Protein backbone atom coordinates (compact mmCIF):
# COMPACT_ATOMS: atom_id res chain seq x y z
CA MET A 1 -0.32 0.03 0.08
CA ARG A 2 1.30 3.62 -0.80
CA LYS A 3 3.33 5.52 1.69
CA VAL A 4 2.33 9.16 2.35
CA CYS A 5 5.00 12.07 3.37
CA TYR A 6 3.45 14.90 4.85
CA ASN A 7 3.55 17.97 7.30
CA ALA A 8 1.78 18.42 10.34
CA ILE A 9 1.26 22.27 11.24
CA PHE A 10 0.26 23.05 15.05
CA PRO A 11 -1.50 25.76 16.33
CA ASP A 12 1.73 27.38 17.44
CA ASP A 13 3.03 26.98 13.85
CA SER A 14 5.71 24.49 14.78
CA ARG A 15 5.84 21.64 12.00
CA GLU A 16 6.74 17.84 12.10
CA THR A 17 7.31 16.09 9.10
CA ILE A 18 6.05 12.80 8.85
CA ASN A 19 7.68 10.00 6.32
CA ASN A 20 6.52 6.68 4.95
CA CYS A 21 3.37 6.79 6.83
CA GLU A 22 0.74 4.04 5.47
CA LEU A 23 -1.99 5.31 3.78
CA VAL A 24 -4.57 4.08 6.46
CA ASP A 25 -2.89 5.91 8.84
CA PHE A 26 -2.46 8.93 6.79
CA LEU A 27 -6.40 8.94 6.35
CA PHE A 28 -7.14 8.97 10.05
CA GLU A 29 -5.31 12.07 10.47
CA LEU A 30 -7.52 13.92 8.15
CA PRO A 31 -10.19 15.41 10.38
CA ILE A 32 -13.82 14.44 9.75
CA LEU A 33 -13.08 12.00 6.88
CA LEU A 34 -13.29 8.30 8.85
CA ASN A 35 -14.94 10.32 12.16
CA PHE A 36 -18.36 8.87 11.39
CA GLY A 37 -17.55 5.14 10.56
CA CYS A 38 -18.22 5.20 6.87
CA ILE A 39 -15.72 4.76 4.31
CA PRO A 40 -15.69 7.83 1.61
CA PRO A 41 -16.12 7.00 -1.83
CA SER A 42 -13.12 7.29 -3.98
CA ARG A 43 -14.18 10.69 -5.54
CA VAL A 44 -14.26 12.35 -2.31
CA ILE A 45 -11.15 10.84 -1.12
CA ASN A 46 -9.34 11.95 -4.09
CA SER A 47 -10.86 15.32 -4.16
CA LEU A 48 -9.29 15.59 -0.78
CA LEU A 49 -5.98 14.11 -1.61
CA LEU A 50 -5.62 16.37 -4.77
CA LYS A 51 -5.93 19.79 -2.45
CA GLY A 52 -2.83 18.89 -1.07
CA GLU A 53 -3.45 20.66 2.47
CA LEU A 54 -6.34 20.17 5.18
CA ASN A 55 -6.71 23.14 7.61
CA SER A 56 -8.43 22.09 10.33
CA GLY A 57 -8.53 25.54 12.17
CA MET A 58 -7.47 25.66 15.78
CA GLY A 59 -6.40 22.16 15.74
CA GLY A 60 -3.61 23.16 13.02
CA SER A 61 -3.56 21.47 9.54
CA LEU A 62 -1.66 18.84 7.48
CA GLU A 63 -0.22 19.35 4.00
CA TRP A 64 1.23 16.71 1.50
CA GLU A 65 2.28 16.31 -2.05
CA VAL A 66 -0.96 16.11 -4.04
CA PHE A 67 -1.73 12.69 -5.28
CA GLN A 68 -4.84 10.44 -6.01
CA LEU A 69 -5.55 6.75 -5.63
CA GLU A 70 -5.73 4.49 -8.81
CA GLU A 71 -8.81 2.31 -8.38
CA ASP A 72 -7.00 -0.68 -7.23
CA GLU A 73 -5.50 1.26 -4.63
CA TYR A 74 -9.04 2.24 -3.38
CA VAL A 75 -10.07 -1.37 -3.43
CA THR A 76 -7.04 -2.10 -1.22
CA LEU A 77 -7.38 0.74 1.04
CA VAL A 78 -11.32 -0.37 1.79
CA ASP A 79 -10.38 -3.72 2.21
CA SER A 80 -7.61 -2.88 4.77
CA LEU A 81 -10.21 -0.57 6.38
CA LEU A 82 -12.87 -2.84 6.69
CA LYS A 83 -10.27 -5.54 8.45
CA GLN A 84 -8.93 -2.93 11.04
CA PRO A 85 -9.21 -4.49 14.58
CA ASN A 86 -11.93 -2.48 17.13
CA LEU A 87 -13.05 -0.46 14.53
CA ASP A 88 -16.62 -0.42 13.27
CA ILE A 89 -16.61 1.21 9.92
CA PHE A 90 -18.56 0.32 6.84
CA THR A 91 -19.31 1.63 3.07
CA ASP A 92 -22.57 2.74 1.82
CA LYS A 93 -23.51 2.43 -2.01
CA ASP A 94 -25.92 5.15 -1.58
CA PHE A 95 -23.14 7.63 -1.72
CA GLN A 96 -20.94 6.52 -4.30
CA ASN A 97 -21.45 9.06 -6.71
CA ILE A 98 -21.19 12.05 -4.40
CA GLU A 99 -17.58 13.99 -5.06
CA ASP A 100 -17.67 17.04 -2.51
CA LEU A 101 -16.17 15.94 1.25
CA ASP A 102 -18.71 18.53 2.82
CA LYS A 103 -21.98 17.09 0.91
CA TRP A 104 -20.59 13.61 1.84
CA VAL A 105 -20.32 14.18 5.34
CA ILE A 106 -23.76 16.03 5.61
CA SER A 107 -25.30 12.97 3.77
CA ILE A 108 -23.76 10.57 6.04
CA PHE A 109 -24.85 12.34 9.23
CA LEU A 110 -28.44 12.77 7.91
CA LYS A 111 -28.68 9.04 6.92
CA TYR A 112 -27.15 7.56 10.18
CA TYR A 113 -26.71 10.29 12.94
CA LYS A 114 -29.65 12.70 12.70
CA GLY A 115 -30.63 13.11 16.16
CA ASN A 116 -26.93 11.60 17.69
CA ASN A 117 -26.04 14.66 19.76
CA GLU A 118 -22.30 12.77 20.00
CA MET A 119 -22.13 12.79 16.65
CA LEU A 120 -23.61 16.12 15.97
CA LYS A 121 -20.97 17.85 18.28
CA VAL A 122 -18.36 16.16 16.23
CA ALA A 123 -19.98 17.57 13.18
CA GLU A 124 -20.46 20.92 14.66
CA ASP A 125 -16.52 21.06 15.87
CA TYR A 126 -15.25 20.34 12.14
CA TYR A 127 -17.15 23.00 10.83
CA GLN A 128 -17.04 25.74 13.28
CA GLU A 129 -13.04 25.19 13.08
CA LYS A 130 -13.37 25.11 9.38
CA PHE A 131 -15.48 27.82 8.52
CA GLY A 132 -15.13 29.85 11.78
CA HIS A 133 -19.01 29.67 12.63
CA SER A 134 -21.82 26.86 13.02
């Protein structure tokens, strides 16, 4: 599986370079991407990977050299995520045509977590940091 090199930029502007990070571990570092337990479609993941950065507001940010996953890499990634021990994670075919991360997060939340205050807090915190308001 692909290895990723990225920079973690902390709120105090200090930096740490992480080399040879397993793709699975890197995706867990990206805020909100896997927080809802649903594996995003390849289009959502690739749209994020092609940006080369993700700013999580006061939580700092991550930067990496842009790349995208080939379909076989995505299939391997999904298989690996589904085999993670002690991780309740799944895929949902209803959302395979979504390309935008924010639209995907909202769709997952509305389908699976509407009325779940704990997951609502996760989503609110993410969007508060991302946009500066809720």
